Amino acid sequence: MNTLQDYLWVLIRLLGSLGLLIFGMRMMSEALQKMAGAHLRHILSALTSNRLMGVFTGAFVTAAVQSSSATTVLVVSFVSAGLLSLAQAISVIMGANIGTTLTAWILSLGYSVDLNMIVFPALFAGVLLIYNKRLRFGGDFLFGIAFMLLSLVMLSQAGKDLNLAENQAVVDFFASFDTGSYLTILCFLVIGTLITCIVQSSAAVMAITILLCSTGVLPIHLGIALVLGENVGTTATANLAALGAGPAARRAALAHLLFNVIGVVWVMVVFYPFVDLVCRIVGYDPSVGGQAARLPVVLAMFHTCFNVTNTIFLLPFISQIERAVCKIIPESAEPAQEEDVFRLQYIESNLVQTPEISVLQAQKEVIQMGLRAQDMFALVVQLFDTEKDEDFAPLLARVEKQEDILDQIEIAIARYLEQVSENHLSDETKQKVRMMLRQISEIESVGDACYNLARAQNRHRRTGHRFTAEQLTQIHDMLRLTTEAIEQMNVVLGGRLENLSINETYRIENEINQLRSNLKDQNIKAVDEHRYDYATGTAFVDTVNECERLGDYVVNVVQARFGK
């Protein structure tokens, strides 16, 4: 290579290969998560019962999806959604650091094994599978593997064409650094951190590091320093995702950063002995030349030894790490009347990573919306027990406020689900999105019915009339059944469908309909007998009818939850 044009062409190939590497790994990750769907949630929540299982789970999931960043953001999302405790999340994150070492080994293979024997069969098998509706995500996974391995072939070839070992200026540049100086090692560690933060892919930076080492121009100590920096830089993804999120999500992301920083600190103290130990394990002697082909294996081995040792060292101190991050990020001060403030608890728009997890978070938010509707109806019940106008007005204002908040929540969840729907979703996930959109619409109608009840009661009071004791007893019978219906609705929203039945909701609805019919008949008789005037009777019937309509909305919510 003698001309600038030659170097430019190789640089373009390098950048294209890195882009293909990142795309292939992302395609693998998304395909696996789509195939796993909700099972991934159950895997993480069920297999994190103790610290050791949490580490194994994190390592397994990360090795499968080939991205520690994906696993970490996943864990941060689970902590935000209340599915994992912070201690469980820390153990999974530790395992994720071990699982990501598989990526380094795969990258090192690109420089010692002919991967073409895998690339083309994987592409062919992927083509066959993508046209099968049931197996298409398996096809996407094979395409991801093929693209990743193809990128390694291209990187290896581009590195050979670059021929940096023959470029004396490049050789002299790297040789000018004193590999025996801690300051030099620290500088390259910072460079690795910054580049990884910018690129947002430790795999891409690792690929470049292995490429430079394999050509023989980058000394092994400087390459290892870059690898340490990549370990710190990869935490930026989760921390950026957690910005603006709740304290739980920020704590999980900070724990990831703290874990990696502590590891880098202790390994820097024993840097040269640790590197010598790894070199002896691999059989590499830095003082002997002509061994550049072994450097990718040395880097992969160091990455594995460092992360495994760091996990073993810090695993007993999970409780201390948890307390530290909780002290650094305390609980945010909540408003005095939280129920009167619009705030989503589980949806963090910047934590959207995979559609399956996003749908899970949205479902948690739907549950909270249902509970808020139940609290709103409780305020309506209080209105019918309130005698003094000075007590009635504040309650009415709170009902109005709650109705406005429910409207805002409906719009926020709907927009979030629309954002999720822009991704390629599995059929199961598409169905869940449709059901949730219907659920939030019907819950918002429950809120409208509550508001209508409150306004009807307010209009009746302003006329100067009051319900009779008999009417109040009958209204409270209806309110009691309606409350029961809303409570059952929330049981269904928050429970596992296989453990629930829709029949209980239908039973309550039938009782509401029957009571409504009986009360309307009794009202006609009472007006005929002049026990109260027609206006009071009309207000009474309006209240009963609105309760019955509210019960219908509740049935619609439950049916949507069951997919009916």
Protein backbone atom coordinates (compact mmCIF):
# COMPACT_ATOMS: atom_id res chain seq x y z
CA MET A 1 0.00 0.00 0.00
CA ASN A 2 1.69 3.14 -1.20
CA THR A 3 -1.00 5.69 -1.98
CA LEU A 4 -3.44 7.65 0.11
CA GLN A 5 -6.25 6.21 -1.99
CA ASP A 6 -5.26 2.69 -0.95
CA TYR A 7 -5.31 3.60 2.72
CA LEU A 8 -8.64 5.38 2.30
CA TRP A 9 -10.19 2.32 0.66
CA VAL A 10 -9.00 0.04 3.47
CA LEU A 11 -10.32 2.51 6.05
CA ILE A 12 -13.74 2.44 4.39
CA ARG A 13 -13.66 -1.37 4.48
CA LEU A 14 -12.73 -1.28 8.17
CA LEU A 15 -15.61 1.07 9.00
CA GLY A 16 -18.02 -1.00 6.92
CA SER A 17 -16.86 -4.18 8.65
CA LEU A 18 -17.37 -2.60 12.09
CA GLY A 19 -20.84 -1.43 11.05
CA LEU A 20 -21.69 -4.95 9.89
CA LEU A 21 -20.34 -6.36 13.18
CA ILE A 22 -22.54 -4.05 15.27
CA PHE A 23 -25.57 -4.73 13.05
CA GLY A 24 -25.06 -8.50 13.20
CA MET A 25 -24.76 -8.53 16.99
CA ARG A 26 -27.85 -6.34 17.35
CA MET A 27 -29.79 -8.57 14.97
CA MET A 28 -28.79 -11.64 17.00
CA SER A 29 -29.78 -9.96 20.26
CA GLU A 30 -33.19 -8.78 19.04
CA ALA A 31 -33.99 -12.13 17.40
CA LEU A 32 -33.20 -14.02 20.61
CA GLN A 33 -35.27 -11.65 22.71
CA LYS A 34 -38.19 -11.98 20.31
CA MET A 35 -37.93 -15.76 20.44
CA ALA A 36 -37.75 -15.68 24.23
CA GLY A 37 -40.46 -13.02 24.58
CA ALA A 38 -41.96 -13.02 28.04
CA HIS A 39 -39.91 -16.12 28.93
CA LEU A 40 -36.84 -13.91 29.25
CA ARG A 41 -38.56 -12.07 32.09
CA HIS A 42 -39.36 -15.35 33.84
CA ILE A 43 -35.79 -16.60 33.30
CA LEU A 44 -34.27 -13.52 34.90
CA SER A 45 -36.75 -13.31 37.76
CA ALA A 46 -36.78 -17.06 38.52
CA LEU A 47 -33.05 -17.72 38.25
CA THR A 48 -31.87 -14.86 40.47
CA SER A 49 -32.96 -16.36 43.78
CA ASN A 50 -29.38 -16.12 45.08
CA ARG A 51 -26.19 -14.31 44.12
CA LEU A 52 -24.49 -17.22 42.41
CA MET A 53 -27.55 -18.03 40.30
CA GLY A 54 -27.81 -14.35 39.39
CA VAL A 55 -24.23 -14.39 38.11
CA PHE A 56 -24.81 -17.57 36.06
CA THR A 57 -28.04 -16.12 34.66
CA GLY A 58 -26.37 -12.86 33.64
CA ALA A 59 -23.49 -14.74 32.01
CA PHE A 60 -25.85 -17.08 30.13
CA VAL A 61 -28.15 -14.33 28.84
CA THR A 62 -25.24 -12.11 27.77
CA ALA A 63 -23.45 -14.97 26.03
CA ALA A 64 -26.70 -15.69 24.18
CA VAL A 65 -27.50 -12.13 23.09
CA GLN A 66 -23.79 -11.25 22.61
CA SER A 67 -24.15 -7.86 24.26
CA SER A 68 -23.51 -6.95 27.88
CA SER A 69 -25.04 -3.54 27.17
CA ALA A 70 -28.30 -5.19 26.05
CA THR A 71 -28.37 -7.35 29.19
CA THR A 72 -27.58 -4.40 31.46
CA VAL A 73 -30.22 -2.14 29.93
CA LEU A 74 -32.61 -5.10 30.22
CA VAL A 75 -31.77 -5.44 33.91
CA VAL A 76 -32.11 -1.68 34.46
CA SER A 77 -35.55 -1.87 32.84
CA PHE A 78 -36.54 -4.77 35.10
CA VAL A 79 -35.42 -2.87 38.20
CA SER A 80 -37.38 0.16 37.00
CA ALA A 81 -40.43 -2.07 36.47
CA GLY A 82 -40.05 -3.59 39.94
CA LEU A 83 -39.34 -7.11 38.59
CA LEU A 84 -35.86 -7.38 40.08
CA SER A 85 -34.43 -6.07 43.32
CA LEU A 86 -31.27 -4.00 43.19
CA ALA A 87 -29.25 -6.82 44.79
CA GLN A 88 -30.52 -9.29 42.15
CA ALA A 89 -29.69 -6.79 39.40
CA ILE A 90 -26.11 -6.38 40.66
CA SER A 91 -25.49 -10.13 40.56
CA VAL A 92 -26.89 -10.35 37.01
CA ILE A 93 -24.70 -7.41 35.93
CA MET A 94 -21.64 -9.20 37.35
CA GLY A 95 -22.55 -12.24 35.29
CA ALA A 96 -23.08 -10.06 32.21
CA ASN A 97 -19.44 -8.97 32.43
CA ILE A 98 -18.40 -12.62 32.33
CA GLY A 99 -20.80 -13.45 29.49
CA THR A 100 -19.44 -10.66 27.32
CA THR A 101 -16.00 -12.29 27.33
CA LEU A 102 -17.37 -14.81 24.82
CA THR A 103 -17.49 -11.93 22.33
CA ALA A 104 -13.73 -11.42 22.70
CA TRP A 105 -13.11 -15.11 22.03
CA ILE A 106 -15.32 -15.01 18.93
CA LEU A 107 -13.47 -11.92 17.70
CA SER A 108 -10.12 -13.60 18.26
CA LEU A 109 -11.28 -16.56 16.16
CA GLY A 110 -11.55 -14.28 13.16
CA TYR A 111 -7.78 -14.06 13.07
CA SER A 112 -6.99 -17.75 13.48
CA VAL A 113 -9.90 -19.69 11.91
CA ASP A 114 -11.47 -19.55 8.46
CA LEU A 115 -15.00 -18.47 9.36
CA ASN A 116 -16.30 -18.66 5.78
CA MET A 117 -17.16 -22.30 6.43
CA ILE A 118 -19.80 -21.06 8.89
CA VAL A 119 -20.92 -17.80 7.23
CA PHE A 120 -22.43 -19.17 4.03
CA PRO A 121 -24.25 -22.17 5.54
CA ALA A 122 -25.71 -19.81 8.17
CA LEU A 123 -26.92 -17.41 5.47
CA PHE A 124 -28.48 -20.25 3.48
CA ALA A 125 -30.24 -21.70 6.55
CA GLY A 126 -31.41 -18.21 7.53
CA VAL A 127 -33.02 -17.70 4.12
CA LEU A 128 -34.93 -20.96 4.51
CA LEU A 129 -36.20 -20.05 7.98
CA ILE A 130 -37.31 -16.44 7.44
CA TYR A 131 -40.12 -17.58 5.14
CA ASN A 132 -41.51 -19.81 7.88
CA LYS A 133 -43.82 -17.75 10.08
CA ARG A 134 -43.10 -19.82 13.17
CA LEU A 135 -39.31 -19.98 12.66
CA ARG A 136 -38.59 -16.57 11.13
CA PHE A 137 -36.91 -15.21 14.26
CA GLY A 138 -34.56 -18.20 14.14
CA GLY A 139 -33.73 -17.08 10.62
CA ASP A 140 -33.00 -13.57 11.86
CA PHE A 141 -30.72 -15.07 14.51
CA LEU A 142 -28.77 -17.03 11.89
CA PHE A 143 -28.49 -13.92 9.74
CA GLY A 144 -27.09 -12.07 12.75
CA ILE A 145 -24.48 -14.80 13.30
CA ALA A 146 -23.58 -14.79 9.61
CA PHE A 147 -23.21 -11.00 9.45
CA MET A 148 -21.10 -10.95 12.63
CA LEU A 149 -18.76 -13.68 11.40
CA LEU A 150 -18.59 -12.16 7.91
CA SER A 151 -17.56 -8.87 9.47
CA LEU A 152 -14.72 -10.66 11.28
CA VAL A 153 -13.52 -12.15 7.99
CA MET A 154 -13.62 -8.69 6.42
CA LEU A 155 -11.81 -7.14 9.39
CA SER A 156 -9.08 -9.76 9.27
CA GLN A 157 -8.60 -9.24 5.53
CA ALA A 158 -8.61 -5.46 5.88
CA GLY A 159 -6.01 -5.73 8.63
CA LYS A 160 -3.77 -7.81 6.38
CA ASP A 161 -4.22 -5.36 3.50
CA LEU A 162 -3.44 -2.47 5.82
CA ASN A 163 -0.07 -4.11 6.53
CA LEU A 164 0.71 -1.79 9.43
CA ALA A 165 3.74 -3.83 10.44
CA GLU A 166 5.47 -2.57 7.30
CA ASN A 167 4.52 1.05 7.96
CA GLN A 168 7.51 2.34 9.87
CA ALA A 169 5.78 5.56 10.92
CA VAL A 170 2.99 3.61 12.66
CA VAL A 171 5.45 1.18 14.21
CA ASP A 172 7.60 4.05 15.53
CA PHE A 173 4.48 5.84 16.87
CA PHE A 174 3.40 2.94 19.09
CA ALA A 175 7.01 2.07 19.96
CA SER A 176 7.45 5.59 21.33
CA PHE A 177 5.15 4.76 24.27
CA ASP A 178 6.79 3.39 27.38
CA THR A 179 4.82 0.20 28.12
CA GLY A 180 6.55 -0.06 31.49
CA SER A 181 5.03 3.23 32.68
CA TYR A 182 1.78 3.31 34.66
CA LEU A 183 1.08 6.75 33.18
CA THR A 184 1.10 5.31 29.66
CA ILE A 185 -1.18 2.45 30.69
CA LEU A 186 -3.56 4.91 32.35
CA CYS A 187 -3.63 7.12 29.23
CA PHE A 188 -4.58 4.18 27.00
CA LEU A 189 -7.17 3.08 29.56
CA VAL A 190 -8.78 6.53 29.33
CA ILE A 191 -8.59 6.43 25.52
CA GLY A 192 -10.35 3.04 25.48
CA THR A 193 -13.04 4.38 27.82
CA LEU A 194 -13.69 7.49 25.75
CA ILE A 195 -13.79 5.66 22.41
CA THR A 196 -16.21 3.06 23.80
CA CYS A 197 -18.44 5.80 25.23
CA ILE A 198 -18.54 7.47 21.82
CA VAL A 199 -19.00 4.33 19.70
CA GLN A 200 -21.41 2.75 22.25
CA SER A 201 -20.13 -0.69 21.35
CA SER A 202 -17.36 -2.38 23.31
CA ALA A 203 -17.33 -5.17 20.70
CA ALA A 204 -16.39 -2.71 17.95
CA VAL A 205 -13.58 -1.23 20.02
CA MET A 206 -12.42 -4.71 21.01
CA ALA A 207 -12.33 -5.65 17.33
CA ILE A 208 -10.10 -2.67 16.54
CA THR A 209 -7.85 -3.48 19.51
CA ILE A 210 -7.46 -7.10 18.39
CA LEU A 211 -6.82 -5.91 14.82
CA LEU A 212 -4.01 -3.59 15.92
CA CYS A 213 -2.46 -6.23 18.17
CA SER A 214 -2.68 -8.93 15.50
CA THR A 215 -0.61 -6.79 13.12
CA GLY A 216 2.13 -6.56 15.73
CA VAL A 217 2.22 -2.75 15.92
CA LEU A 218 0.27 -2.38 19.21
CA PRO A 219 2.16 -3.80 22.23
CA ILE A 220 0.16 -6.23 24.35
CA HIS A 221 0.28 -4.03 27.47
CA LEU A 222 -1.29 -1.11 25.59
CA GLY A 223 -3.91 -3.40 24.04
CA ILE A 224 -4.84 -4.70 27.50
CA ALA A 225 -5.10 -1.12 28.76
CA LEU A 226 -7.58 -0.42 25.95
CA VAL A 227 -9.54 -3.53 26.96
CA LEU A 228 -9.77 -2.24 30.54
CA GLY A 229 -11.04 1.07 29.22
CA GLU A 230 -13.67 -0.74 27.16
CA ASN A 231 -14.94 -2.40 30.36
CA VAL A 232 -15.53 1.02 31.89
CA GLY A 233 -16.82 2.65 28.70
CA THR A 234 -19.44 -0.03 28.09
CA THR A 235 -21.25 1.08 31.27
CA ALA A 236 -22.12 4.36 29.53
CA THR A 237 -24.96 2.70 27.59
CA ALA A 238 -26.93 1.74 30.69
CA ASN A 239 -26.14 5.00 32.49
CA LEU A 240 -27.30 7.07 29.51
CA ALA A 241 -30.44 4.94 29.26
CA ALA A 242 -31.13 5.54 32.95
CA LEU A 243 -30.81 9.33 32.74
CA GLY A 244 -34.13 10.87 33.69
CA ALA A 245 -35.39 7.51 34.93
CA GLY A 246 -36.40 6.71 38.49
CA PRO A 247 -33.94 6.16 41.34
CA ALA A 248 -34.11 2.35 41.01
CA ALA A 249 -32.98 2.40 37.37
CA ARG A 250 -30.21 4.93 38.03
CA ARG A 251 -28.94 2.85 40.96
CA ALA A 252 -28.71 -0.31 38.85
CA ALA A 253 -26.80 1.56 36.14
CA LEU A 254 -24.49 3.14 38.72
CA ALA A 255 -23.84 -0.29 40.28
CA HIS A 256 -22.63 -1.47 36.87
CA LEU A 257 -20.24 1.47 36.64
CA LEU A 258 -19.05 1.04 40.22
CA PHE A 259 -18.42 -2.68 39.71
CA ASN A 260 -16.24 -2.10 36.65
CA VAL A 261 -14.37 0.87 38.13
CA ILE A 262 -13.50 -1.09 41.28
CA GLY A 263 -12.21 -3.90 39.06
CA VAL A 264 -10.03 -1.54 37.05
CA VAL A 265 -8.63 0.03 40.24
CA TRP A 266 -7.46 -3.25 41.76
CA VAL A 267 -6.12 -4.67 38.51
CA MET A 268 -4.09 -1.50 37.94
CA VAL A 269 -2.40 -2.10 41.29
CA VAL A 270 -1.23 -5.55 40.14
CA PHE A 271 -1.24 -4.76 36.41
CA TYR A 272 2.12 -6.12 35.30
CA PRO A 273 2.09 -9.31 37.42
CA PHE A 274 -1.49 -10.00 36.31
CA VAL A 275 -0.63 -9.51 32.62
CA ASP A 276 2.45 -11.76 33.00
CA LEU A 277 0.24 -14.44 34.57
CA VAL A 278 -2.21 -14.31 31.66
CA CYS A 279 0.66 -14.45 29.15
CA ARG A 280 2.04 -17.55 30.86
CA ILE A 281 -1.41 -19.20 30.74
CA VAL A 282 -1.56 -18.63 26.97
CA GLY A 283 2.12 -19.43 26.41
CA TYR A 284 3.04 -16.00 25.10
CA ASP A 285 6.39 -14.37 25.86
CA PRO A 286 6.33 -10.56 25.31
CA SER A 287 10.12 -10.49 25.02
CA VAL A 288 10.11 -12.80 22.00
CA GLY A 289 9.13 -11.40 18.64
CA GLY A 290 7.11 -13.00 15.85
CA GLN A 291 4.16 -13.99 18.03
CA ALA A 292 1.64 -11.39 16.86
CA ALA A 293 -0.79 -14.12 15.82
CA ARG A 294 -1.18 -15.13 19.48
CA LEU A 295 -2.04 -11.63 20.72
CA PRO A 296 -5.81 -11.88 20.00
CA VAL A 297 -5.91 -14.97 22.24
CA VAL A 298 -3.96 -13.12 24.95
CA LEU A 299 -6.47 -10.25 24.86
CA ALA A 300 -9.43 -12.65 25.05
CA MET A 301 -7.82 -14.57 27.92
CA PHE A 302 -7.07 -11.36 29.84
CA HIS A 303 -10.65 -10.16 29.33
CA THR A 304 -11.96 -13.46 30.73
CA CYS A 305 -9.53 -13.69 33.65
CA PHE A 306 -10.13 -10.08 34.66
CA ASN A 307 -13.93 -10.30 34.66
CA VAL A 308 -14.08 -13.70 36.35
CA THR A 309 -11.61 -12.61 39.06
CA ASN A 310 -13.41 -9.30 39.56
CA THR A 311 -16.74 -11.11 39.99
CA ILE A 312 -15.29 -13.61 42.46
CA PHE A 313 -13.71 -10.76 44.39
CA LEU A 314 -16.80 -8.53 44.57
CA LEU A 315 -19.57 -11.14 44.78
CA PRO A 316 -19.51 -11.23 48.61
CA PHE A 317 -19.80 -7.43 48.69
CA ILE A 318 -23.10 -7.04 46.79
CA SER A 319 -24.85 -5.72 49.91
CA GLN A 320 -22.14 -3.07 50.37
CA ILE A 321 -22.36 -2.03 46.71
CA GLU A 322 -26.15 -1.80 47.08
CA ARG A 323 -25.85 0.44 50.14
CA ALA A 324 -23.26 2.61 48.39
CA VAL A 325 -25.40 3.30 45.32
CA CYS A 326 -28.47 3.89 47.49
CA LYS A 327 -26.50 6.47 49.45
CA ILE A 328 -25.22 8.15 46.29
CA ILE A 329 -28.70 8.16 44.69
CA PRO A 330 -31.27 8.60 47.49
CA GLU A 331 -35.00 8.24 47.04
CA SER A 332 -36.50 11.33 45.42
CA ALA A 333 -38.81 13.42 47.58
CA GLU A 334 -42.42 12.60 46.70
CA PRO A 335 -45.19 15.21 46.64
CA ALA A 336 -47.51 15.40 49.63
CA GLN A 337 -50.46 14.07 47.64
CA GLU A 338 -48.87 11.75 45.09
CA GLU A 339 -52.22 10.50 43.87
CA ASP A 340 -53.07 14.02 42.68
CA VAL A 341 -49.94 14.31 40.51
CA PHE A 342 -49.48 12.94 36.99
CA ARG A 343 -46.46 10.62 37.01
CA LEU A 344 -45.75 7.38 35.23
CA GLN A 345 -44.00 4.91 37.52
CA TYR A 346 -42.63 2.25 35.21
CA ILE A 347 -42.43 3.67 31.72
CA GLU A 348 -39.13 5.37 31.01
CA SER A 349 -39.04 6.38 27.34
CA ASN A 350 -35.24 6.38 27.30
CA LEU A 351 -35.18 2.80 28.56
CA VAL A 352 -36.94 1.40 25.49
CA GLN A 353 -34.59 -1.39 24.45
CA THR A 354 -36.68 -4.29 23.21
CA PRO A 355 -40.39 -4.41 22.40
CA GLU A 356 -41.01 -7.35 24.72
CA ILE A 357 -39.63 -5.53 27.76
CA SER A 358 -41.34 -2.29 26.75
CA VAL A 359 -44.70 -4.06 26.57
CA LEU A 360 -44.07 -5.52 30.01
CA GLN A 361 -43.42 -2.06 31.43
CA ALA A 362 -46.52 -0.70 29.73
CA GLN A 363 -48.62 -3.48 31.30
CA LYS A 364 -47.31 -2.49 34.73
CA GLU A 365 -48.40 1.06 33.97
CA VAL A 366 -51.87 -0.15 32.92
CA ILE A 367 -52.15 -1.86 36.31
CA GLN A 368 -51.32 1.43 38.03
CA MET A 369 -53.90 3.19 35.87
CA GLY A 370 -56.55 0.70 37.03
CA LEU A 371 -55.62 1.26 40.67
CA ARG A 372 -55.85 5.00 40.18
CA ALA A 373 -59.35 4.57 38.71
CA GLN A 374 -60.27 2.53 41.80
CA ASP A 375 -59.02 5.32 44.08
CA MET A 376 -61.00 7.82 42.03
CA PHE A 377 -64.19 5.82 42.50
CA ALA A 378 -63.50 5.72 46.26
CA LEU A 379 -63.55 9.53 46.22
CA VAL A 380 -66.92 9.42 44.43
CA VAL A 381 -68.29 7.14 47.16
CA GLN A 382 -67.16 9.70 49.74
CA LEU A 383 -69.14 12.39 47.91
CA PHE A 384 -72.39 10.59 48.67
CA ASP A 385 -71.48 10.47 52.38
CA THR A 386 -70.52 14.15 52.61
CA GLU A 387 -73.06 16.51 54.16
CA LYS A 388 -71.20 19.82 54.43
CA ASP A 389 -70.59 21.88 51.29
CA GLU A 390 -67.14 22.94 52.53
CA ASP A 391 -66.15 19.26 52.60
CA PHE A 392 -67.88 18.43 49.31
CA ALA A 393 -66.08 21.00 47.13
CA PRO A 394 -62.49 19.80 47.79
CA LEU A 395 -63.54 16.20 47.12
CA LEU A 396 -65.19 17.21 43.86
CA ALA A 397 -62.04 19.09 42.84
CA ARG A 398 -59.93 16.00 43.50
CA VAL A 399 -62.27 13.88 41.36
CA GLU A 400 -61.93 16.41 38.53
CA LYS A 401 -58.15 16.35 38.92
CA GLN A 402 -58.08 12.55 38.83
CA GLU A 403 -60.16 12.49 35.66
CA ASP A 404 -57.66 14.84 34.00
CA ILE A 405 -54.72 12.70 35.17
CA LEU A 406 -56.32 9.53 33.78
CA ASP A 407 -56.68 11.29 30.43
CA GLN A 408 -52.97 12.18 30.51
CA ILE A 409 -51.97 8.65 31.49
CA GLU A 410 -54.03 7.18 28.64
CA ILE A 411 -52.31 9.44 26.11
CA ALA A 412 -48.84 8.76 27.57
CA ILE A 413 -49.24 4.98 27.50
CA ALA A 414 -50.77 5.07 24.02
CA ARG A 415 -47.87 7.15 22.68
CA TYR A 416 -45.40 4.79 24.30
CA LEU A 417 -47.10 1.77 22.73
CA GLU A 418 -47.11 3.53 19.37
CA GLN A 419 -43.37 4.01 19.76
CA VAL A 420 -42.98 0.32 20.58
CA SER A 421 -45.12 -0.64 17.58
CA GLU A 422 -42.62 1.00 15.25
CA ASN A 423 -40.34 -2.00 15.91
CA HIS A 424 -40.70 -5.39 14.27
CA LEU A 425 -42.94 -7.21 16.74
CA SER A 426 -43.82 -10.84 17.16
CA ASP A 427 -47.49 -11.74 16.64
CA GLU A 428 -47.87 -12.34 20.37
CA THR A 429 -46.48 -8.90 21.19
CA LYS A 430 -48.69 -7.22 18.58
CA GLN A 431 -51.72 -8.82 20.22
CA LYS A 432 -50.61 -7.58 23.64
CA VAL A 433 -50.23 -4.04 22.33
CA ARG A 434 -53.73 -4.11 20.83
CA MET A 435 -55.21 -5.45 24.07
CA MET A 436 -53.46 -2.79 26.15
CA LEU A 437 -54.65 0.03 23.90
CA ARG A 438 -58.20 -1.21 24.42
CA GLN A 439 -57.64 -1.59 28.17
CA ILE A 440 -56.44 1.99 28.68
CA SER A 441 -59.31 3.31 26.59
CA GLU A 442 -61.87 1.47 28.71
CA ILE A 443 -60.16 2.44 32.00
CA GLU A 444 -60.29 6.05 30.89
CA SER A 445 -64.03 5.54 30.30
CA VAL A 446 -64.27 4.28 33.90
CA GLY A 447 -62.73 7.59 34.92
CA ASP A 448 -65.26 9.48 32.79
CA ALA A 449 -68.09 7.57 34.47
CA CYS A 450 -66.69 8.46 37.92
CA TYR A 451 -66.55 12.11 36.90
CA ASN A 452 -70.11 11.95 35.57
CA LEU A 453 -71.29 10.52 38.90
CA ALA A 454 -69.54 13.33 40.77
CA ARG A 455 -71.03 16.02 38.53
CA ALA A 456 -74.50 14.50 38.78
CA GLN A 457 -74.26 14.54 42.56
CA ASN A 458 -73.01 18.14 42.45
CA ARG A 459 -75.92 19.24 40.22
CA HIS A 460 -78.39 17.51 42.52
CA ARG A 461 -76.95 19.25 45.60
CA ARG A 462 -77.11 22.68 43.95
CA THR A 463 -80.86 22.29 43.42
CA GLY A 464 -81.20 22.16 47.20
CA HIS A 465 -82.59 18.62 47.12
CA ARG A 466 -81.17 15.67 49.00
CA PHE A 467 -81.60 11.96 48.53
CA THR A 468 -83.79 10.25 51.09
CA ALA A 469 -82.31 7.76 53.54
CA GLU A 470 -83.90 4.96 51.53
CA GLN A 471 -82.37 6.24 48.30
CA LEU A 472 -78.93 6.61 49.90
CA THR A 473 -79.11 3.02 51.11
CA GLN A 474 -80.01 1.84 47.62
CA ILE A 475 -77.27 3.97 46.03
CA HIS A 476 -74.72 2.54 48.44
CA ASP A 477 -75.81 -0.96 47.46
CA MET A 478 -75.08 -0.06 43.87
CA LEU A 479 -71.79 1.64 44.79
CA ARG A 480 -70.73 -1.43 46.77
CA LEU A 481 -71.28 -3.72 43.78
CA THR A 482 -69.51 -1.27 41.47
CA THR A 483 -66.55 -1.10 43.86
CA GLU A 484 -66.43 -4.89 43.85
CA ALA A 485 -66.39 -4.87 40.05
CA ILE A 486 -63.48 -2.40 39.92
CA GLU A 487 -61.53 -4.38 42.52
CA GLN A 488 -62.02 -7.56 40.49
CA MET A 489 -60.88 -5.68 37.37
CA ASN A 490 -57.61 -4.81 39.10
CA VAL A 491 -57.19 -8.40 40.26
CA VAL A 492 -57.37 -9.47 36.61
CA LEU A 493 -55.06 -6.69 35.42
CA GLY A 494 -52.38 -7.57 37.96
CA GLY A 495 -52.68 -11.37 37.97
CA ARG A 496 -51.61 -14.23 35.75
CA LEU A 497 -54.43 -15.15 33.40
CA GLU A 498 -53.97 -18.89 33.85
CA ASN A 499 -54.86 -18.44 37.53
CA LEU A 500 -57.93 -16.26 36.88
CA SER A 501 -61.42 -16.56 35.46
CA ILE A 502 -63.61 -14.02 33.70
CA ASN A 503 -66.72 -15.56 35.25
CA GLU A 504 -66.37 -13.59 38.49
CA THR A 505 -66.56 -10.33 36.54
CA TYR A 506 -69.65 -11.54 34.67
CA ARG A 507 -71.28 -12.53 37.98
CA ILE A 508 -70.80 -9.05 39.45
CA GLU A 509 -72.02 -7.43 36.24
CA ASN A 510 -75.20 -9.53 36.29
CA GLU A 511 -75.85 -8.45 39.87
CA ILE A 512 -75.34 -4.80 38.90
CA ASN A 513 -77.77 -5.13 35.98
CA GLN A 514 -80.37 -6.85 38.13
CA LEU A 515 -80.05 -4.26 40.90
CA ARG A 516 -80.30 -1.45 38.36
CA SER A 517 -83.56 -2.86 36.99
CA ASN A 518 -85.02 -3.34 40.49
CA LEU A 519 -84.07 0.17 41.61
CA LYS A 520 -85.58 1.76 38.50
CA ASP A 521 -88.85 -0.07 39.13
CA GLN A 522 -88.82 0.97 42.80
CA ASN A 523 -88.08 4.56 41.81
CA ILE A 524 -91.16 4.73 39.54
CA LYS A 525 -93.30 3.38 42.35
CA ALA A 526 -91.82 5.83 44.89
CA VAL A 527 -92.45 8.85 42.63
CA ASP A 528 -96.02 7.68 42.02
CA GLU A 529 -96.52 7.44 45.78
CA HIS A 530 -95.00 10.95 46.25
CA ARG A 531 -92.31 9.72 48.62
CA TYR A 532 -89.99 12.17 46.83
CA ASP A 533 -90.34 14.49 43.85
CA TYR A 534 -89.68 13.72 40.21
CA ALA A 535 -86.39 15.71 40.09
CA THR A 536 -84.93 13.69 42.95
CA GLY A 537 -86.11 10.49 41.27
CA THR A 538 -84.45 11.53 38.01
CA ALA A 539 -81.15 12.25 39.79
CA PHE A 540 -81.42 8.87 41.50
CA VAL A 541 -81.96 7.01 38.21
CA ASP A 542 -79.07 8.94 36.57
CA THR A 543 -76.77 7.79 39.37
CA VAL A 544 -77.88 4.17 39.08
CA ASN A 545 -77.56 4.18 35.29
CA GLU A 546 -74.07 5.70 35.44
CA CYS A 547 -72.96 2.98 37.86
CA GLU A 548 -74.29 0.37 35.46
CA ARG A 549 -72.40 2.00 32.56
CA LEU A 550 -69.26 2.03 34.67
CA GLY A 551 -69.74 -1.70 35.25
CA ASP A 552 -69.94 -2.22 31.48
CA TYR A 553 -66.60 -0.42 31.02
CA VAL A 554 -65.10 -2.68 33.68
CA VAL A 555 -66.30 -5.76 31.79
CA ASN A 556 -64.71 -4.35 28.61
CA VAL A 557 -61.38 -3.94 30.42
CA VAL A 558 -61.48 -7.52 31.70
CA GLN A 559 -62.46 -8.88 28.29
CA ALA A 560 -59.57 -6.98 26.70
CA ARG A 561 -57.19 -8.45 29.28
CA PHE A 562 -58.41 -11.97 28.40
CA GLY A 563 -58.18 -11.18 24.68
CA LYS A 564 -61.93 -11.47 24.08
